[in-house]
Amino acid sequence: MFDVHQIDVSPWLLLTLVSVLLALWYVQDVIAAFRTPRLDPHPGLPDDGPLVTVIIPARNEATRIGACLEGLAQQSYRRFEVIVVDDDSHDGTADVVRTYTACLPSLTVLSSKTLPHDWAGKCWACWQGANQAHGAWLLFLDADVVPRPALIAALVERARAGRDMITLVPLIHLTSFAERLVLPPFIGLISAIYPFDRVNDPSSPLAFAIGQCIMMRRETYAAIGGHRAVRGSVLEDMDLARLVKQSGYALEAAHAPDLLEVRMYNGWSTLSEGLKKNAVAGYRSGGTRSGLMGLRLGLMATMPWNMLAARFALTLLGGDPALAQALALAGVALLLIGAICWGIVLRYRFRISPLWGVLYGVGTAVYFALAAQALRQIRSGKGVVWKGRMFLR
């Protein structure tokens, strides 16, 4: 016979299941970070081989492109040429670039032609550079990256292994408080949406590339239509990777913290602009997978705090004191586990103090707020701004 005084086990079961699931997710992120494919410099890298054309689209990069060009001048692999496409800059970018012709004799500066109405600015600049290239391989670099001396040699070695497109994620320098708070959750979300083991698997349709560093076989670039095929895209790197994989070519993505470095943003202003632009385009590119991984990250960031809030609410309402205590213990334990796991990932991936793991959940909330604001701006017709250009979709 049913006992009316029987304890309802459903809240306890739910609390246990949620707690175990969250703990597993935290640990899973640590394992995934350490298993991510890496490309590292090592002895015996080639110093000769096919000609590589380095193409750098540059829009108002006068203060940052110098470090990129200095890094290229120090490359151990010398069979390369450099084409910098000045994308309608008004800060003297082209003049700065020309001062490096002595240390980079193969350097060419192109002034971008008028931007066609149906092209995104970066795609147009890259396309013009590719049309002037002589190399068997095209290496697209952002103007703000800093190549280490073994970068091109390591890429050529991987290319010899039968790759058609290689993309590298650099070490991202996080300098300001805003960068250290918001960028790690954003990068963590991208890593969850696009695990590199699946990206590198020819049988998986998942494709990923990051425009900071993409090297592609010239024949492959021509076969898929190059940047002309993705001319209106804000996420041209992702769309190129998708075309490469759909066409049956070999794609490889890897982290390369000892080959390439970058500081993506200079504080809150550029960070908020950049993440708004990427949030809108990324959500539309990732589709359902983006939504599910965003939900997962959101639960990891907020659920421990929700447990603590539920504990206080239960106490105020005169609920089960044992359950209230369990909620408090679970919430504190998960906050601690999350901070430790995220701290390990931050130390490994960004080489910053693991103590920043304590603020990972806060950074997640800030990023989601930026993404929501960007979506509202797009839907209202206001668009989002990046480098002085308006993106309405």
Foldseek 3Di string as FASTA:
>chain_A
DDDPPDDDCVVVVVLVVLLVVLLVVLVVLLVLLVPFFAQEDDPPQDQDDWEEEEEEEDAQCQPALVLALVQVLLASRDRYAYEYEYQPHDNCNQVSQVVCCVSHVRYDYHYQDDDDPQFDRVLSRVVVSLVPDDTQKYKYAYSRKHFHRHQVSSVVVVVVVFAFKEAEAEQAAQDDPLSLQAVVVVVSLVCQLQPQVLCQDLVHLGHDHDRNIMMGGSVLCVVLPHSVNVRNAPPSGRVSRNSCSVVPGGYGYGYYHPGMYGHQDDDDPQVLLVLLSCLVRVCVVSPPSSVVSLVSLLCLLCVLVVLLVVLVVCVVVVHDPVSSVVSPVSSVVSLVSQLQSCLSSCCVRNVDGSNSSNSRSVNSVVSVVSNVVSVVCLVVQNAGDHSRDGDND
